[in-house]
Amino acid sequence: MKKVLLLFIIALCCCCNIETKQIKMVSLNIRCENKSDGINNWNNRKTNLAVFLKNETPDIICMQEVVISQLRFMGHFAG
């Protein structure tokens, strides 16, 4: 399914006349919010992710292993 969606997006971009606008897309493996992750705990990672998203300002964000609380947190940084 992911490959089909990616191919659809690529085909859409190729078919449309997008000469003046580039689309910036990032793909992130968020890693589930798990309190037993120790150093990899979400609370230790979320600030870095927020800074990354603010600096990169992507048009499309693809995520894996994201849960609703993480998605809500990241929603605060969407442009």
PDB file of N, CA and C in Angstrom:
ATOM      1  N   MET A   1       0.824  -1.198   0.000  1.00  0.00           N
ATOM      2  CA  MET A   1       0.000   0.000   0.000  1.00  0.00           C
ATOM      3  C   MET A   1       0.864   1.256   0.000  1.00  0.00           C
ATOM      4  N   LYS A   2       1.954   1.253   0.775  1.00  0.00           N
ATOM      5  CA  LYS A   2       2.830   2.425   0.838  1.00  0.00           C
ATOM      6  C   LYS A   2       3.464   2.697  -0.521  1.00  0.00           C
ATOM      7  N   LYS A   3       3.869   1.620  -1.202  1.00  0.00           N
ATOM      8  CA  LYS A   3       4.486   1.780  -2.519  1.00  0.00           C
ATOM      9  C   LYS A   3       3.487   2.340  -3.521  1.00  0.00           C
ATOM     10  N   VAL A   4       2.246   1.897  -3.422  1.00  0.00           N
ATOM     11  CA  VAL A   4       1.206   2.384  -4.326  1.00  0.00           C
ATOM     12  C   VAL A   4       0.975   3.874  -4.098  1.00  0.00           C
ATOM     13  N   LEU A   5       0.918   4.295  -2.842  1.00  0.00           N
ATOM     14  CA  LEU A   5       0.711   5.703  -2.527  1.00  0.00           C
ATOM     15  C   LEU A   5       1.882   6.545  -3.027  1.00  0.00           C
ATOM     16  N   LEU A   6       3.090   6.071  -2.812  1.00  0.00           N
ATOM     17  CA  LEU A   6       4.267   6.797  -3.280  1.00  0.00           C
ATOM     18  C   LEU A   6       4.258   6.919  -4.797  1.00  0.00           C
ATOM     19  N   LEU A   7       3.941   5.829  -5.484  1.00  0.00           N
ATOM     20  CA  LEU A   7       3.880   5.876  -6.943  1.00  0.00           C
ATOM     21  C   LEU A   7       2.791   6.843  -7.422  1.00  0.00           C
ATOM     22  N   PHE A   8       1.671   6.880  -6.721  1.00  0.00           N
ATOM     23  CA  PHE A   8       0.598   7.812  -7.062  1.00  0.00           C
ATOM     24  C   PHE A   8       1.068   9.257  -6.926  1.00  0.00           C
ATOM     25  N   ILE A   9       1.768   9.552  -5.850  1.00  0.00           N
ATOM     26  CA  ILE A   9       2.267  10.913  -5.625  1.00  0.00           C
ATOM     27  C   ILE A   9       3.277  11.299  -6.701  1.00  0.00           C
ATOM     28  N   ILE A  10       4.176  10.381  -7.030  1.00  0.00           N
ATOM     29  CA  ILE A  10       5.175  10.656  -8.065  1.00  0.00           C
ATOM     30  C   ILE A  10       4.486  10.884  -9.407  1.00  0.00           C
ATOM     31  N   ALA A  11       3.506  10.028  -9.736  1.00  0.00           N
ATOM     32  CA  ALA A  11       2.779  10.172 -11.002  1.00  0.00           C
ATOM     33  C   ALA A  11       2.022  11.498 -11.046  1.00  0.00           C
ATOM     34  N   LEU A  12       1.431  11.879  -9.940  1.00  0.00           N
ATOM     35  CA  LEU A  12       0.698  13.133  -9.867  1.00  0.00           C
ATOM     36  C   LEU A  12       1.627  14.315 -10.119  1.00  0.00           C
ATOM     37  N   CYS A  13       2.796  14.264  -9.526  1.00  0.00           N
ATOM     38  CA  CYS A  13       3.772  15.343  -9.703  1.00  0.00           C
ATOM     39  C   CYS A  13       4.273  15.400 -11.142  1.00  0.00           C
ATOM     40  N   CYS A  14       4.430  14.248 -11.762  1.00  0.00           N
ATOM     41  CA  CYS A  14       4.915  14.196 -13.142  1.00  0.00           C
ATOM     42  C   CYS A  14       3.861  14.682 -14.124  1.00  0.00           C
ATOM     43  N   CYS A  15       2.616  14.406 -13.848  1.00  0.00           N
ATOM     44  CA  CYS A  15       1.535  14.777 -14.767  1.00  0.00           C
ATOM     45  C   CYS A  15       1.168  16.255 -14.658  1.00  0.00           C
ATOM     46  N   CYS A  16       1.363  16.817 -13.502  1.00  0.00           N
ATOM     47  CA  CYS A  16       1.019  18.219 -13.287  1.00  0.00           C
ATOM     48  C   CYS A  16       2.182  19.096 -13.732  1.00  0.00           C
ATOM     49  N   ASN A  17       1.881  20.281 -14.148  1.00  0.00           N
ATOM     50  CA  ASN A  17       2.910  21.218 -14.560  1.00  0.00           C
ATOM     51  C   ASN A  17       3.377  21.982 -13.321  1.00  0.00           C
ATOM     52  N   ILE A  18       4.374  21.451 -12.655  1.00  0.00           N
ATOM     53  CA  ILE A  18       4.894  22.059 -11.425  1.00  0.00           C
ATOM     54  C   ILE A  18       6.288  22.601 -11.733  1.00  0.00           C
ATOM     55  N   GLU A  19       6.323  23.736 -12.403  1.00  0.00           N
ATOM     56  CA  GLU A  19       7.607  24.310 -12.770  1.00  0.00           C
ATOM     57  C   GLU A  19       8.148  25.235 -11.689  1.00  0.00           C
ATOM     58  N   THR A  20       7.290  25.942 -11.015  1.00  0.00           N
ATOM     59  CA  THR A  20       7.751  26.945 -10.072  1.00  0.00           C
ATOM     60  C   THR A  20       7.700  26.484  -8.622  1.00  0.00           C
ATOM     61  N   LYS A  21       7.080  25.367  -8.355  1.00  0.00           N
ATOM     62  CA  LYS A  21       6.926  24.895  -6.976  1.00  0.00           C
ATOM     63  C   LYS A  21       7.541  23.515  -6.816  1.00  0.00           C
ATOM     64  N   GLN A  22       8.417  23.391  -5.857  1.00  0.00           N
ATOM     65  CA  GLN A  22       8.951  22.088  -5.504  1.00  0.00           C
ATOM     66  C   GLN A  22       8.200  21.581  -4.287  1.00  0.00           C
ATOM     67  N   ILE A  23       8.023  20.290  -4.227  1.00  0.00           N
ATOM     68  CA  ILE A  23       7.346  19.671  -3.098  1.00  0.00           C
ATOM     69  C   ILE A  23       8.405  19.020  -2.223  1.00  0.00           C
ATOM     70  N   LYS A  24       8.386  19.360  -0.957  1.00  0.00           N
ATOM     71  CA  LYS A  24       9.349  18.799  -0.009  1.00  0.00           C
ATOM     72  C   LYS A  24       8.635  17.750   0.837  1.00  0.00           C
ATOM     73  N   MET A  25       9.153  16.536   0.811  1.00  0.00           N
ATOM     74  CA  MET A  25       8.536  15.439   1.541  1.00  0.00           C
ATOM     75  C   MET A  25       9.582  14.803   2.457  1.00  0.00           C
ATOM     76  N   VAL A  26       9.176  14.488   3.686  1.00  0.00           N
ATOM     77  CA  VAL A  26      10.052  13.765   4.604  1.00  0.00           C
ATOM     78  C   VAL A  26       9.348  12.482   5.043  1.00  0.00           C
ATOM     79  N   SER A  27      10.137  11.471   5.302  1.00  0.00           N
ATOM     80  CA  SER A  27       9.619  10.200   5.794  1.00  0.00           C
ATOM     81  C   SER A  27      10.282   9.916   7.127  1.00  0.00           C
ATOM     82  N   LEU A  28       9.466   9.664   8.144  1.00  0.00           N
ATOM     83  CA  LEU A  28       9.970   9.506   9.504  1.00  0.00           C
ATOM     84  C   LEU A  28       9.432   8.235  10.143  1.00  0.00           C
ATOM     85  N   ASN A  29      10.297   7.497  10.778  1.00  0.00           N
ATOM     86  CA  ASN A  29       9.858   6.401  11.631  1.00  0.00           C
ATOM     87  C   ASN A  29       9.829   6.972  13.042  1.00  0.00           C
ATOM     88  N   ILE A  30       8.652   7.322  13.495  1.00  0.00           N
ATOM     89  CA  ILE A  30       8.486   8.033  14.765  1.00  0.00           C
ATOM     90  C   ILE A  30       8.821   7.142  15.963  1.00  0.00           C
ATOM     91  N   ARG A  31       8.559   5.883  15.866  1.00  0.00           N
ATOM     92  CA  ARG A  31       8.724   4.899  16.936  1.00  0.00           C
ATOM     93  C   ARG A  31       7.631   5.112  17.977  1.00  0.00           C
ATOM     94  N   CYS A  32       6.915   4.077  18.244  1.00  0.00           N
ATOM     95  CA  CYS A  32       5.781   4.159  19.174  1.00  0.00           C
ATOM     96  C   CYS A  32       6.172   4.763  20.508  1.00  0.00           C
ATOM     97  N   GLU A  33       5.223   5.420  21.113  1.00  0.00           N
ATOM     98  CA  GLU A  33       5.418   6.010  22.433  1.00  0.00           C
ATOM     99  C   GLU A  33       5.363   4.889  23.464  1.00  0.00           C
ATOM    100  N   ASN A  34       6.521   4.521  23.986  1.00  0.00           N
ATOM    101  CA  ASN A  34       6.627   3.405  24.918  1.00  0.00           C
ATOM    102  C   ASN A  34       7.455   3.848  26.115  1.00  0.00           C
ATOM    103  N   LYS A  35       6.863   3.876  27.281  1.00  0.00           N
ATOM    104  CA  LYS A  35       7.557   4.382  28.471  1.00  0.00           C
ATOM    105  C   LYS A  35       8.762   3.542  28.870  1.00  0.00           C
ATOM    106  N   SER A  36       8.812   2.299  28.433  1.00  0.00           N
ATOM    107  CA  SER A  36       9.935   1.434  28.812  1.00  0.00           C
ATOM    108  C   SER A  36      11.101   1.528  27.815  1.00  0.00           C
ATOM    109  N   ASP A  37      11.087   2.525  26.939  1.00  0.00           N
ATOM    110  CA  ASP A  37      12.147   2.685  25.937  1.00  0.00           C
ATOM    111  C   ASP A  37      13.439   3.287  26.480  1.00  0.00           C
ATOM    112  N   GLY A  38      13.450   3.650  27.747  1.00  0.00           N
ATOM    113  CA  GLY A  38      14.674   4.218  28.325  1.00  0.00           C
ATOM    114  C   GLY A  38      15.097   5.483  27.610  1.00  0.00           C
ATOM    115  N   ILE A  39      16.328   5.504  27.112  1.00  0.00           N
ATOM    116  CA  ILE A  39      16.864   6.698  26.442  1.00  0.00           C
ATOM    117  C   ILE A  39      16.110   7.037  25.168  1.00  0.00           C
ATOM    118  N   ASN A  40      15.460   6.069  24.563  1.00  0.00           N
ATOM    119  CA  ASN A  40      14.689   6.297  23.340  1.00  0.00           C
ATOM    120  C   ASN A  40      13.239   6.699  23.618  1.00  0.00           C
ATOM    121  N   ASN A  41      12.921   6.998  24.865  1.00  0.00           N
ATOM    122  CA  ASN A  41      11.574   7.396  25.251  1.00  0.00           C
ATOM    123  C   ASN A  41      11.137   8.623  24.459  1.00  0.00           C
ATOM    124  N   TRP A  42       9.857   8.678  24.117  1.00  0.00           N
ATOM    125  CA  TRP A  42       9.310   9.774  23.326  1.00  0.00           C
ATOM    126  C   TRP A  42       9.639  11.142  23.917  1.00  0.00           C
ATOM    127  N   ASN A  43       9.572  11.275  25.226  1.00  0.00           N
ATOM    128  CA  ASN A  43       9.872  12.565  25.857  1.00  0.00           C
ATOM    129  C   ASN A  43      11.308  13.013  25.596  1.00  0.00           C
ATOM    130  N   ASN A  44      12.206  12.067  25.359  1.00  0.00           N
ATOM    131  CA  ASN A  44      13.596  12.401  25.053  1.00  0.00           C
ATOM    132  C   ASN A  44      13.800  12.721  23.570  1.00  0.00           C
ATOM    133  N   ARG A  45      12.829  12.404  22.743  1.00  0.00           N
ATOM    134  CA  ARG A  45      12.980  12.570  21.294  1.00  0.00           C
ATOM    135  C   ARG A  45      12.115  13.669  20.700  1.00  0.00           C
ATOM    136  N   LYS A  46      11.034  14.013  21.347  1.00  0.00           N
ATOM    137  CA  LYS A  46      10.038  14.873  20.708  1.00  0.00           C
ATOM    138  C   LYS A  46      10.523  16.297  20.438  1.00  0.00           C
ATOM    139  N   THR A  47      11.364  16.850  21.273  1.00  0.00           N
ATOM    140  CA  THR A  47      11.860  18.210  21.032  1.00  0.00           C
ATOM    141  C   THR A  47      12.725  18.260  19.782  1.00  0.00           C
ATOM    142  N   ASN A  48      13.600  17.249  19.616  1.00  0.00           N
ATOM    143  CA  ASN A  48      14.437  17.203  18.410  1.00  0.00           C
ATOM    144  C   ASN A  48      13.588  17.085  17.145  1.00  0.00           C
ATOM    145  N   LEU A  49      12.543  16.300  17.223  1.00  0.00           N
ATOM    146  CA  LEU A  49      11.659  16.141  16.079  1.00  0.00           C
ATOM    147  C   LEU A  49      10.945  17.456  15.766  1.00  0.00           C
ATOM    148  N   ALA A  50      10.494  18.150  16.799  1.00  0.00           N
ATOM    149  CA  ALA A  50       9.807  19.432  16.599  1.00  0.00           C
ATOM    150  C   ALA A  50      10.746  20.446  15.941  1.00  0.00           C
ATOM    151  N   VAL A  51      11.984  20.506  16.385  1.00  0.00           N
ATOM    152  CA  VAL A  51      12.965  21.420  15.789  1.00  0.00           C
ATOM    153  C   VAL A  51      13.209  21.052  14.333  1.00  0.00           C
ATOM    154  N   PHE A  52      13.340  19.758  14.056  1.00  0.00           N
ATOM    155  CA  PHE A  52      13.545  19.285  12.687  1.00  0.00           C
ATOM    156  C   PHE A  52      12.392  19.711  11.782  1.00  0.00           C
ATOM    157  N   LEU A  53      11.164  19.498  12.220  1.00  0.00           N
ATOM    158  CA  LEU A  53       9.999  19.847  11.404  1.00  0.00           C
ATOM    159  C   LEU A  53       9.891  21.354  11.179  1.00  0.00           C
ATOM    160  N   LYS A  54      10.204  22.137  12.187  1.00  0.00           N
ATOM    161  CA  LYS A  54      10.153  23.594  12.037  1.00  0.00           C
ATOM    162  C   LYS A  54      11.216  24.076  11.066  1.00  0.00           C
ATOM    163  N   ASN A  55      12.397  23.461  11.096  1.00  0.00           N
ATOM    164  CA  ASN A  55      13.490  23.869  10.206  1.00  0.00           C
ATOM    165  C   ASN A  55      13.273  23.410   8.773  1.00  0.00           C
ATOM    166  N   GLU A  56      12.741  22.232   8.602  1.00  0.00           N
ATOM    167  CA  GLU A  56      12.582  21.656   7.265  1.00  0.00           C
ATOM    168  C   GLU A  56      11.330  22.138   6.552  1.00  0.00           C
ATOM    169  N   THR A  57      10.295  22.459   7.275  1.00  0.00           N
ATOM    170  CA  THR A  57       8.999  22.881   6.736  1.00  0.00           C
ATOM    171  C   THR A  57       8.555  22.045   5.520  1.00  0.00           C
ATOM    172  N   PRO A  58       8.373  20.743   5.732  1.00  0.00           N
ATOM    173  CA  PRO A  58       7.969  19.893   4.604  1.00  0.00           C
ATOM    174  C   PRO A  58       6.512  20.128   4.206  1.00  0.00           C
ATOM    175  N   ASP A  59       6.233  19.857   2.929  1.00  0.00           N
ATOM    176  CA  ASP A  59       4.861  19.922   2.428  1.00  0.00           C
ATOM    177  C   ASP A  59       4.098  18.643   2.758  1.00  0.00           C
ATOM    178  N   ILE A  60       4.818  17.530   2.732  1.00  0.00           N
ATOM    179  CA  ILE A  60       4.234  16.221   3.004  1.00  0.00           C
ATOM    180  C   ILE A  60       5.095  15.520   4.043  1.00  0.00           C
ATOM    181  N   ILE A  61       4.455  14.956   5.059  1.00  0.00           N
ATOM    182  CA  ILE A  61       5.162  14.197   6.094  1.00  0.00           C
ATOM    183  C   ILE A  61       4.598  12.786   6.106  1.00  0.00           C
ATOM    184  N   CYS A  62       5.457  11.815   5.895  1.00  0.00           N
ATOM    185  CA  CYS A  62       5.072  10.404   5.961  1.00  0.00           C
ATOM    186  C   CYS A  62       5.610   9.846   7.278  1.00  0.00           C
ATOM    187  N   MET A  63       4.778   9.106   7.997  1.00  0.00           N
ATOM    188  CA  MET A  63       5.197   8.603   9.305  1.00  0.00           C
ATOM    189  C   MET A  63       4.875   7.130   9.461  1.00  0.00           C
ATOM    190  N   GLN A  64       5.737   6.463  10.221  1.00  0.00           N
ATOM    191  CA  GLN A  64       5.513   5.071  10.605  1.00  0.00           C
ATOM    192  C   GLN A  64       5.501   5.007  12.124  1.00  0.00           C
ATOM    193  N   GLU A  65       4.743   4.098  12.656  1.00  0.00           N
ATOM    194  CA  GLU A  65       4.683   3.807  14.090  1.00  0.00           C
ATOM    195  C   GLU A  65       4.223   4.981  14.947  1.00  0.00           C
ATOM    196  N   VAL A  66       3.491   5.906  14.368  1.00  0.00           N
ATOM    197  CA  VAL A  66       3.033   7.060  15.126  1.00  0.00           C
ATOM    198  C   VAL A  66       1.708   6.736  15.813  1.00  0.00           C
ATOM    199  N   VAL A  67       1.546   7.237  17.031  1.00  0.00           N
ATOM    200  CA  VAL A  67       0.279   7.094  17.751  1.00  0.00           C
ATOM    201  C   VAL A  67      -0.356   8.479  17.874  1.00  0.00           C
ATOM    202  N   ILE A  68      -1.621   8.515  18.206  1.00  0.00           N
ATOM    203  CA  ILE A  68      -2.397   9.755  18.174  1.00  0.00           C
ATOM    204  C   ILE A  68      -1.798  10.863  19.052  1.00  0.00           C
ATOM    205  N   SER A  69      -1.266  10.537  20.216  1.00  0.00           N
ATOM    206  CA  SER A  69      -0.686  11.577  21.081  1.00  0.00           C
ATOM    207  C   SER A  69       0.549  12.198  20.432  1.00  0.00           C
ATOM    208  N   GLN A  70       1.332  11.397  19.721  1.00  0.00           N
ATOM    209  CA  GLN A  70       2.494  11.938  19.019  1.00  0.00           C
ATOM    210  C   GLN A  70       2.058  12.805  17.840  1.00  0.00           C
ATOM    211  N   LEU A  71       1.041  12.355  17.141  1.00  0.00           N
ATOM    212  CA  LEU A  71       0.522  13.113  16.011  1.00  0.00           C
ATOM    213  C   LEU A  71      -0.023  14.468  16.473  1.00  0.00           C
ATOM    214  N   ARG A  72      -0.705  14.483  17.578  1.00  0.00           N
ATOM    215  CA  ARG A  72      -1.219  15.748  18.120  1.00  0.00           C
ATOM    216  C   ARG A  72      -0.076  16.683  18.490  1.00  0.00           C
ATOM    217  N   PHE A  73       0.970  16.142  19.102  1.00  0.00           N
ATOM    218  CA  PHE A  73       2.133  16.958  19.463  1.00  0.00           C
ATOM    219  C   PHE A  73       2.734  17.588  18.206  1.00  0.00           C
ATOM    220  N   MET A  74       2.916  16.801  17.157  1.00  0.00           N
ATOM    221  CA  MET A  74       3.516  17.298  15.934  1.00  0.00           C
ATOM    222  C   MET A  74       2.598  18.274  15.201  1.00  0.00           C
ATOM    223  N   GLY A  75       1.298  18.155  15.422  1.00  0.00           N
ATOM    224  CA  GLY A  75       0.338  19.055  14.797  1.00  0.00           C
ATOM    225  C   GLY A  75       0.541  20.511  15.204  1.00  0.00           C
ATOM    226  N   HIS A  76       1.125  20.716  16.364  1.00  0.00           N
ATOM    227  CA  HIS A  76       1.395  22.086  16.835  1.00  0.00           C
ATOM    228  C   HIS A  76       2.462  22.767  15.988  1.00  0.00           C
ATOM    229  N   PHE A  77       3.242  21.993  15.240  1.00  0.00           N
ATOM    230  CA  PHE A  77       4.348  22.552  14.474  1.00  0.00           C
ATOM    231  C   PHE A  77       4.071  22.573  12.976  1.00  0.00           C
ATOM    232  N   ALA A  78       2.886  22.160  12.608  1.00  0.00           N
ATOM    233  CA  ALA A  78       2.532  22.163  11.184  1.00  0.00           C
ATOM    234  C   ALA A  78       2.282  23.597  10.744  1.00  0.00           C
ATOM    235  N   GLY A  79       2.754  23.895   9.545  1.00  0.00           N
ATOM    236  CA  GLY A  79       2.610  25.258   9.014  1.00  0.00           C
ATOM    237  C   GLY A  79       1.311  25.376   8.396  1.00  0.00           C
TER     238      GLY A  79
END
